[in-house]
């Protein structure tokens, strides 16, 4: 059965469902030009069934559609981005520098 992911803006998170049951979520914080993904949870009974990957892909595709950079402080999403180089262009690059 396929993982279904939906945006729940009132909770600031993407929610995954598998077999009609809540399977996990990826929290987000949105600001102008940037989205932060601080935390991802997959319910233990759904681990190893593609829930985390579906959440990461949905979250990153959403960021791409919005045209915003991604700051993945969640170790799972950060690692997923490393393993999927097609999403590296979304990674936030802090361009600020201290002047002398």
C-alpha atoms as a PDB file:
ATOM      1  CA  UNK A   1       0.000   0.000   0.000  1.00  0.00           C
ATOM      2  CA  UNK A   2       1.211   3.498  -0.845  1.00  0.00           C
ATOM      3  CA  UNK A   3       2.109   6.127   1.722  1.00  0.00           C
ATOM      4  CA  UNK A   4      -0.187   9.156   1.511  1.00  0.00           C
ATOM      5  CA  UNK A   5       1.279  12.487   2.623  1.00  0.00           C
ATOM      6  CA  UNK A   6      -0.723  15.658   3.199  1.00  0.00           C
ATOM      7  CA  UNK A   7       0.105  19.155   4.366  1.00  0.00           C
ATOM      8  CA  UNK A   8      -1.515  20.167   7.643  1.00  0.00           C
ATOM      9  CA  UNK A   9      -0.752  23.908   7.754  1.00  0.00           C
ATOM     10  CA  UNK A  10      -2.633  24.454  11.015  1.00  0.00           C
ATOM     11  CA  UNK A  11      -0.149  22.092  12.707  1.00  0.00           C
ATOM     12  CA  UNK A  12       2.846  23.225  10.571  1.00  0.00           C
ATOM     13  CA  UNK A  13       3.632  19.721   9.463  1.00  0.00           C
ATOM     14  CA  UNK A  14       3.281  17.159   6.709  1.00  0.00           C
ATOM     15  CA  UNK A  15       1.428  14.051   7.858  1.00  0.00           C
ATOM     16  CA  UNK A  16       1.835  10.551   6.460  1.00  0.00           C
ATOM     17  CA  UNK A  17      -0.771   7.829   6.427  1.00  0.00           C
ATOM     18  CA  UNK A  18      -0.338   4.155   5.598  1.00  0.00           C
ATOM     19  CA  UNK A  19      -3.180   1.639   5.469  1.00  0.00           C
ATOM     20  CA  UNK A  20      -5.535   4.358   6.741  1.00  0.00           C
ATOM     21  CA  UNK A  21      -3.496   4.912   9.912  1.00  0.00           C
ATOM     22  CA  UNK A  22      -1.334   7.885  10.964  1.00  0.00           C
ATOM     23  CA  UNK A  23       2.203   6.763  10.220  1.00  0.00           C
ATOM     24  CA  UNK A  24       4.354   9.825  10.890  1.00  0.00           C
ATOM     25  CA  UNK A  25       4.974  13.509  10.310  1.00  0.00           C
ATOM     26  CA  UNK A  26       7.602  16.071   9.339  1.00  0.00           C
ATOM     27  CA  UNK A  27       7.356  19.412  11.127  1.00  0.00           C
ATOM     28  CA  UNK A  28       8.227  22.662   9.384  1.00  0.00           C
ATOM     29  CA  UNK A  29       8.773  26.347  10.081  1.00  0.00           C
ATOM     30  CA  UNK A  30       8.184  28.623   7.106  1.00  0.00           C
ATOM     31  CA  UNK A  31       9.479  32.141   6.570  1.00  0.00           C
ATOM     32  CA  UNK A  32      10.050  34.269   3.520  1.00  0.00           C
ATOM     33  CA  UNK A  33      12.480  32.436   1.239  1.00  0.00           C
ATOM     34  CA  UNK A  34      13.256  29.643   3.716  1.00  0.00           C
ATOM     35  CA  UNK A  35      11.701  26.553   5.262  1.00  0.00           C
ATOM     36  CA  UNK A  36      13.223  24.780   8.255  1.00  0.00           C
ATOM     37  CA  UNK A  37      12.575  21.080   8.824  1.00  0.00           C
ATOM     38  CA  UNK A  38      13.368  20.534  12.526  1.00  0.00           C
ATOM     39  CA  UNK A  39      11.839  17.146  13.286  1.00  0.00           C
ATOM     40  CA  UNK A  40      10.511  14.005  11.598  1.00  0.00           C
ATOM     41  CA  UNK A  41       8.718  11.146  13.322  1.00  0.00           C
ATOM     42  CA  UNK A  42       7.811   7.725  11.937  1.00  0.00           C
ATOM     43  CA  UNK A  43       5.654   5.564  14.180  1.00  0.00           C
ATOM     44  CA  UNK A  44       7.584   2.422  15.182  1.00  0.00           C
ATOM     45  CA  UNK A  45       5.135   0.000  13.561  1.00  0.00           C
ATOM     46  CA  UNK A  46       5.687   1.756  10.199  1.00  0.00           C
ATOM     47  CA  UNK A  47       9.480   1.952  10.237  1.00  0.00           C
ATOM     48  CA  UNK A  48      11.175   0.449   7.200  1.00  0.00           C
ATOM     49  CA  UNK A  49       8.088   0.887   5.008  1.00  0.00           C
ATOM     50  CA  UNK A  50       9.069   4.064   3.145  1.00  0.00           C
ATOM     51  CA  UNK A  51       7.198   6.514   5.367  1.00  0.00           C
ATOM     52  CA  UNK A  52      10.241   8.656   6.186  1.00  0.00           C
ATOM     53  CA  UNK A  53      11.323   8.813   2.561  1.00  0.00           C
ATOM     54  CA  UNK A  54       7.816   9.755   1.437  1.00  0.00           C
ATOM     55  CA  UNK A  55       7.717  12.556   4.024  1.00  0.00           C
ATOM     56  CA  UNK A  56      11.163  13.839   3.004  1.00  0.00           C
ATOM     57  CA  UNK A  57      10.364  13.778  -0.716  1.00  0.00           C
ATOM     58  CA  UNK A  58       6.992  15.499  -0.190  1.00  0.00           C
ATOM     59  CA  UNK A  59       8.571  18.173   2.032  1.00  0.00           C
ATOM     60  CA  UNK A  60      11.400  18.873  -0.392  1.00  0.00           C
ATOM     61  CA  UNK A  61       9.111  18.895  -3.423  1.00  0.00           C
ATOM     62  CA  UNK A  62       6.915  21.388  -1.557  1.00  0.00           C
ATOM     63  CA  UNK A  63       9.935  23.620  -0.891  1.00  0.00           C
ATOM     64  CA  UNK A  64      10.916  23.443  -4.563  1.00  0.00           C
ATOM     65  CA  UNK A  65       7.373  24.348  -5.653  1.00  0.00           C
ATOM     66  CA  UNK A  66       7.409  27.329  -3.275  1.00  0.00           C
ATOM     67  CA  UNK A  67      10.836  28.433  -4.508  1.00  0.00           C
ATOM     68  CA  UNK A  68      12.378  28.471  -1.032  1.00  0.00           C
ATOM     69  CA  UNK A  69      15.657  27.225   0.405  1.00  0.00           C
ATOM     70  CA  UNK A  70      15.739  24.368   2.918  1.00  0.00           C
ATOM     71  CA  UNK A  71      17.476  24.307   6.281  1.00  0.00           C
ATOM     72  CA  UNK A  72      17.199  20.700   7.444  1.00  0.00           C
ATOM     73  CA  UNK A  73      18.042  20.620  11.146  1.00  0.00           C
ATOM     74  CA  UNK A  74      16.291  17.255  11.348  1.00  0.00           C
ATOM     75  CA  UNK A  75      19.015  14.609  10.982  1.00  0.00           C
ATOM     76  CA  UNK A  76      16.726  12.345   8.962  1.00  0.00           C
ATOM     77  CA  UNK A  77      15.848  14.939   6.312  1.00  0.00           C
ATOM     78  CA  UNK A  78      19.421  16.264   6.223  1.00  0.00           C
ATOM     79  CA  UNK A  79      20.720  12.726   5.625  1.00  0.00           C
ATOM     80  CA  UNK A  80      18.036  12.042   3.043  1.00  0.00           C
ATOM     81  CA  UNK A  81      19.108  15.134   1.114  1.00  0.00           C
ATOM     82  CA  UNK A  82      22.716  13.903   1.111  1.00  0.00           C
ATOM     83  CA  UNK A  83      21.607  10.528  -0.284  1.00  0.00           C
ATOM     84  CA  UNK A  84      19.457  12.235  -2.952  1.00  0.00           C
ATOM     85  CA  UNK A  85      21.692  14.777  -4.686  1.00  0.00           C
ATOM     86  CA  UNK A  86      18.824  15.935  -6.917  1.00  0.00           C
ATOM     87  CA  UNK A  87      17.680  17.953  -3.876  1.00  0.00           C
ATOM     88  CA  UNK A  88      21.058  19.507  -2.981  1.00  0.00           C
ATOM     89  CA  UNK A  89      20.209  22.713  -4.848  1.00  0.00           C
ATOM     90  CA  UNK A  90      17.559  23.410  -2.189  1.00  0.00           C
ATOM     91  CA  UNK A  91      20.061  23.438   0.695  1.00  0.00           C
ATOM     92  CA  UNK A  92      20.276  26.769   2.474  1.00  0.00           C
ATOM     93  CA  UNK A  93      23.595  28.509   1.977  1.00  0.00           C
ATOM     94  CA  UNK A  94      24.253  31.271   4.490  1.00  0.00           C
ATOM     95  CA  UNK A  95      25.809  34.019   2.404  1.00  0.00           C
ATOM     96  CA  UNK A  96      26.255  36.555   5.216  1.00  0.00           C
ATOM     97  CA  UNK A  97      29.808  37.553   6.063  1.00  0.00           C
ATOM     98  CA  UNK A  98      31.348  39.670   8.749  1.00  0.00           C
ATOM     99  CA  UNK A  99      32.922  42.858   7.355  1.00  0.00           C
ATOM    100  CA  UNK A 100      36.179  44.316   8.600  1.00  0.00           C
END
